[in-house]
Amino acid sequence: MWTEHTIEANGLSIHYRRTGTGTTPLVLAHGATDNGGCWGRVAHGLADHYAIYAPDARGHGQTSAPEGDYSSGTMAGDLAAFITTLGLDRPLVMGHSMGANTTLALVAGWPDIARAAVLEDPVFRLDATAEHEIEARRARMRADFERRQSETHAEIVAAGKIANPSWHDDEFDAWADAKKRVAAAFLFAGPSASPFDWRGLLPTVRVPVLLVTPDAPPIGNGIVSAAAADVARSLCPTLEVAHVPGAGHNIRRDRKS
């Protein structure tokens, strides 16, 4: 389904996947430790309607993995350079988790670059004390990275199926491949100088935004709570919220249909 390509943009060699026969460009920004290949089922479902581009973020897949800054603003700069280098005409941009943060930073910092944005469970936290969870999650990702160096693809798939029984079987090969390809430079990068300022970015956004939310604690393992979604809606007049009950942080994976 995919064709694979590489371009030079923003000082990086950016690897991306391409599919779709539609005329409207759609750029898909993946989450941490995933890569562009993890959008396979979404891309298959939308291929008749969009021209789809799924880049690997810096430090992921086959894109360059420089030492240093892996903040949302830096990744948004990468995505802006990717879009302009390819000459995409105001694409729709959709991101998950880290990629949703990147997407928000993109449409806030480059107001004319996209026609609309979809944010799948971005890191919108209301309680500042919850920021310690970010480093705790990074520590877990580092431990997973180190363990997986000695695991086979089949072993990672098998563990993923146990941990994520609600996912469609077609998700696991690309997911496991991504885990083997994430770079140490990303996982061991120092923390950002400041937390992700979603409340500061949202009021500057002028394009339509769809915030897709899962079940957050104590019901599920999603990030964006109903209260956080309400705050986001109040800050950005162009934002609408779609809640998907029964889904966790990986909304598109948790809901098989």
Protein backbone atom coordinates (compact mmCIF):
# COMPACT_ATOMS: atom_id res chain seq x y z
CA MET A 1 0.00 0.00 0.00
CA TRP A 2 2.72 2.47 0.98
CA THR A 3 5.46 3.87 -1.22
CA GLU A 4 8.51 5.04 0.73
CA HIS A 5 10.53 8.20 0.16
CA THR A 6 13.13 10.48 1.76
CA ILE A 7 13.55 14.24 1.55
CA GLU A 8 15.97 16.73 3.10
CA ALA A 9 14.21 19.35 5.21
CA ASN A 10 15.07 21.43 8.28
CA GLY A 11 18.53 19.89 8.41
CA LEU A 12 17.13 16.36 8.60
CA SER A 13 16.79 13.43 6.28
CA ILE A 14 13.05 12.80 6.69
CA HIS A 15 11.67 9.41 5.71
CA TYR A 16 7.98 9.26 4.85
CA ARG A 17 5.33 6.97 3.46
CA ARG A 18 2.87 7.94 0.76
CA THR A 19 -0.47 6.50 -0.31
CA GLY A 20 -3.93 7.60 -1.40
CA THR A 21 -5.64 8.68 -4.59
CA GLY A 22 -7.53 11.72 -3.32
CA THR A 23 -6.61 15.31 -4.06
CA THR A 24 -6.70 16.75 -0.53
CA PRO A 25 -3.36 16.24 1.24
CA LEU A 26 -3.45 14.64 4.70
CA VAL A 27 -0.31 14.60 6.88
CA LEU A 28 -0.21 12.12 9.77
CA ALA A 29 2.06 12.80 12.77
CA HIS A 30 2.67 9.72 14.92
CA GLY A 31 3.17 9.39 18.66
CA ALA A 32 6.32 8.73 20.65
CA THR A 33 8.12 5.45 19.77
CA ASP A 34 5.80 4.88 16.79
CA ASN A 35 6.64 5.88 13.22
CA GLY A 36 4.77 6.69 10.04
CA GLY A 37 4.09 3.02 9.32
CA CYS A 38 1.87 2.85 12.40
CA TRP A 39 -0.84 4.76 10.51
CA GLY A 40 -1.44 1.83 8.13
CA ARG A 41 -5.06 1.04 9.01
CA VAL A 42 -6.05 4.72 9.08
CA ALA A 43 -4.35 5.31 5.74
CA HIS A 44 -6.05 2.28 4.19
CA GLY A 45 -9.44 3.55 5.32
CA LEU A 46 -8.87 7.06 3.96
CA ALA A 47 -6.86 6.28 0.82
CA ASP A 48 -9.77 6.89 -1.56
CA HIS A 49 -10.36 10.36 -0.16
CA TYR A 50 -6.92 11.87 0.55
CA ALA A 51 -3.35 12.06 -0.65
CA ILE A 52 -1.71 10.73 2.51
CA TYR A 53 1.77 11.50 3.83
CA ALA A 54 3.10 9.82 6.98
CA PRO A 55 6.57 11.06 7.97
CA ASP A 56 8.81 9.55 10.62
CA ALA A 57 9.52 12.21 13.27
CA ARG A 58 13.11 13.01 14.19
CA GLY A 59 14.57 10.18 16.24
CA HIS A 60 12.03 7.70 14.90
CA GLY A 61 11.95 5.21 12.04
CA GLN A 62 14.39 6.13 9.29
CA THR A 63 14.49 9.89 9.91
CA SER A 64 17.65 11.51 11.28
CA ALA A 65 18.19 11.30 15.04
CA PRO A 66 20.33 14.29 16.07
CA GLU A 67 21.32 14.86 19.67
CA GLY A 68 19.57 17.68 21.49
CA ASP A 69 16.13 19.21 21.31
CA TYR A 70 13.04 17.04 20.85
CA SER A 71 10.46 19.58 21.98
CA SER A 72 7.08 20.01 20.32
CA GLY A 73 8.21 23.32 18.85
CA THR A 74 11.25 21.74 17.24
CA MET A 75 9.20 18.88 15.84
CA ALA A 76 6.62 21.38 14.55
CA GLY A 77 9.44 23.11 12.68
CA ASP A 78 10.36 19.76 11.13
CA LEU A 79 6.76 19.18 10.08
CA ALA A 80 6.43 22.70 8.63
CA ALA A 81 9.60 22.15 6.61
CA PHE A 82 8.30 18.76 5.44
CA ILE A 83 5.04 20.31 4.21
CA THR A 84 6.69 23.25 2.46
CA THR A 85 9.48 21.17 0.90
CA LEU A 86 6.91 18.84 -0.65
CA GLY A 87 4.81 21.82 -1.75
CA LEU A 88 1.66 20.54 -0.06
CA ASP A 89 -1.22 23.00 -0.36
CA ARG A 90 -2.66 23.61 3.12
CA PRO A 91 -3.02 19.96 4.13
CA LEU A 92 -5.22 18.55 6.83
CA VAL A 93 -2.87 17.50 9.65
CA MET A 94 -3.67 14.80 12.19
CA GLY A 95 -1.48 13.83 15.12
CA HIS A 96 -1.57 11.34 17.98
CA SER A 97 -0.12 12.02 21.45
CA MET A 98 3.35 13.50 20.83
CA GLY A 99 2.28 14.01 17.22
CA ALA A 100 -0.86 15.82 18.38
CA ASN A 101 1.32 18.19 20.42
CA THR A 102 3.44 18.71 17.30
CA THR A 103 0.32 19.37 15.25
CA LEU A 104 -0.97 21.97 17.70
CA ALA A 105 2.42 23.70 17.77
CA LEU A 106 2.40 23.64 13.96
CA VAL A 107 -1.00 25.29 13.44
CA ALA A 108 -0.24 27.83 16.18
CA GLY A 109 3.21 28.76 14.89
CA TRP A 110 2.50 28.51 11.16
CA PRO A 111 -1.09 29.78 10.91
CA ASP A 112 -1.37 29.51 7.12
CA ILE A 113 0.21 26.09 6.64
CA ALA A 114 -2.78 23.79 7.32
CA ARG A 115 -6.49 23.92 6.59
CA ALA A 116 -7.51 22.04 9.75
CA ALA A 117 -6.09 19.83 12.49
CA VAL A 118 -7.15 16.65 14.28
CA LEU A 119 -5.64 15.99 17.73
CA GLU A 120 -5.88 12.40 19.00
CA ASP A 121 -5.39 12.48 22.80
CA PRO A 122 -2.67 15.13 23.02
CA VAL A 123 -0.82 15.82 26.27
CA PHE A 124 -3.34 18.27 27.73
CA ARG A 125 -2.92 18.08 31.50
CA LEU A 126 -4.67 20.43 33.93
CA ASP A 127 -2.68 19.63 37.05
CA ALA A 128 0.89 20.93 36.90
CA THR A 129 1.91 18.27 39.40
CA ALA A 130 1.06 15.68 36.76
CA GLU A 131 4.05 16.86 34.72
CA HIS A 132 6.20 14.43 36.71
CA GLU A 133 4.29 11.71 34.88
CA ILE A 134 5.98 12.80 31.65
CA GLU A 135 9.44 11.92 32.95
CA ALA A 136 8.10 8.74 34.51
CA ARG A 137 6.67 7.73 31.13
CA ARG A 138 9.97 8.59 29.44
CA ALA A 139 11.76 6.38 31.98
CA ARG A 140 9.41 3.51 31.12
CA MET A 141 10.07 4.03 27.41
CA ARG A 142 13.83 3.92 28.06
CA ALA A 143 13.46 0.66 29.97
CA ASP A 144 11.34 -0.79 27.15
CA PHE A 145 13.93 0.34 24.60
CA GLU A 146 16.76 -1.36 26.44
CA ARG A 147 14.80 -4.57 26.94
CA ARG A 148 13.72 -4.74 23.30
CA GLN A 149 17.27 -4.61 21.99
CA SER A 150 17.50 -8.33 22.76
CA GLU A 151 13.94 -9.25 21.75
CA THR A 152 12.85 -10.50 18.35
CA HIS A 153 10.09 -8.91 16.31
CA ALA A 154 7.85 -11.88 17.11
CA GLU A 155 8.48 -11.50 20.83
CA ILE A 156 7.56 -7.80 20.74
CA VAL A 157 4.38 -8.58 18.78
CA ALA A 158 3.40 -11.30 21.27
CA ALA A 159 3.93 -8.97 24.24
CA GLY A 160 1.98 -6.23 22.49
CA LYS A 161 -1.00 -8.50 21.92
CA ILE A 162 -1.08 -9.40 25.61
CA ALA A 163 -0.84 -5.75 26.70
CA ASN A 164 -3.35 -4.48 24.12
CA PRO A 165 -6.08 -7.10 23.61
CA SER A 166 -8.50 -4.57 22.10
CA TRP A 167 -6.24 -3.74 19.15
CA HIS A 168 -6.83 -5.09 15.65
CA ASP A 169 -4.29 -7.75 14.66
CA ASP A 170 -3.13 -5.60 11.75
CA GLU A 171 -1.66 -3.01 14.14
CA PHE A 172 1.08 -5.10 15.69
CA ASP A 173 3.67 -5.66 12.95
CA ALA A 174 4.17 -1.94 12.29
CA TRP A 175 4.02 -1.18 16.01
CA ALA A 176 6.71 -3.76 16.79
CA ASP A 177 8.89 -2.56 13.91
CA ALA A 178 8.67 1.00 15.24
CA LYS A 179 9.82 -0.06 18.69
CA LYS A 180 13.01 -1.53 17.21
CA ARG A 181 13.66 1.64 15.20
CA VAL A 182 13.24 4.38 17.82
CA ALA A 183 16.56 6.15 18.48
CA ALA A 184 18.34 6.43 21.80
CA ALA A 185 18.90 10.12 21.01
CA PHE A 186 15.16 10.68 21.37
CA LEU A 187 14.61 8.53 24.45
CA PHE A 188 17.61 9.88 26.34
CA ALA A 189 17.18 13.53 25.35
CA GLY A 190 17.02 15.93 28.26
CA PRO A 191 13.62 17.19 29.36
CA SER A 192 12.19 20.30 27.73
CA ALA A 193 12.91 23.58 29.46
CA SER A 194 9.20 24.04 30.12
CA PRO A 195 6.06 21.88 29.97
CA PHE A 196 4.00 21.76 26.79
CA ASP A 197 2.04 25.04 26.84
CA TRP A 198 -1.19 23.90 25.24
CA ARG A 199 -3.20 26.54 27.07
CA GLY A 200 -0.95 29.24 25.65
CA LEU A 201 -1.05 27.86 22.11
CA LEU A 202 -4.77 27.20 21.70
CA PRO A 203 -5.96 30.84 21.76
CA THR A 204 -3.68 31.62 18.81
CA VAL A 205 -5.14 28.92 16.54
CA ARG A 206 -7.41 30.09 13.74
CA VAL A 207 -8.06 26.90 11.75
CA PRO A 208 -10.71 24.31 12.67
CA VAL A 209 -9.48 21.79 15.25
CA LEU A 210 -11.06 18.48 16.21
CA LEU A 211 -9.93 17.21 19.62
CA VAL A 212 -10.58 13.47 19.89
CA THR A 213 -10.62 12.23 23.48
CA PRO A 214 -10.70 8.74 25.04
CA ASP A 215 -11.68 7.57 28.49
CA ALA A 216 -9.25 9.20 30.94
CA PRO A 217 -8.51 8.08 34.51
CA PRO A 218 -10.11 6.72 36.58
CA ILE A 219 -12.05 5.03 33.76
CA GLY A 220 -9.27 4.49 31.22
CA ASN A 221 -5.66 5.30 30.37
CA GLY A 222 -6.29 8.31 28.16
CA ILE A 223 -4.71 11.69 28.84
CA VAL A 224 -7.33 14.34 28.05
CA SER A 225 -9.99 14.42 30.76
CA ALA A 226 -13.46 15.85 30.21
CA ALA A 227 -12.43 18.88 32.28
CA ALA A 228 -9.32 19.44 30.16
CA ALA A 229 -11.40 19.13 26.99
CA ASP A 230 -13.76 21.80 28.33
CA VAL A 231 -10.83 24.12 28.99
CA ALA A 232 -9.48 23.50 25.49
CA ARG A 233 -12.87 24.31 23.99
CA SER A 234 -13.09 27.54 25.97
CA LEU A 235 -9.63 28.66 24.83
CA CYS A 236 -10.03 27.96 21.12
CA PRO A 237 -13.28 29.06 19.43
CA THR A 238 -12.54 26.89 16.39
CA LEU A 239 -12.13 23.70 18.45
CA GLU A 240 -14.70 20.92 18.67
CA VAL A 241 -14.48 17.84 20.88
CA ALA A 242 -15.35 14.26 19.93
CA HIS A 243 -15.27 11.77 22.80
CA VAL A 244 -14.82 8.08 21.94
CA PRO A 245 -16.11 5.96 24.83
CA GLY A 246 -14.42 2.64 25.44
CA ALA A 247 -11.11 3.80 23.97
CA GLY A 248 -7.83 4.47 25.73
CA HIS A 249 -4.85 6.61 24.74
CA ASN A 250 -4.47 4.82 21.40
CA ILE A 251 -7.98 5.71 20.30
CA ARG A 252 -7.79 4.51 16.69
CA ARG A 253 -6.22 1.23 17.81
CA ASP A 254 -8.52 0.59 20.77
CA ARG A 255 -11.58 0.87 18.58
CA LYS A 256 -11.17 -1.82 15.91
CA SER A 257 -13.96 -0.66 13.63
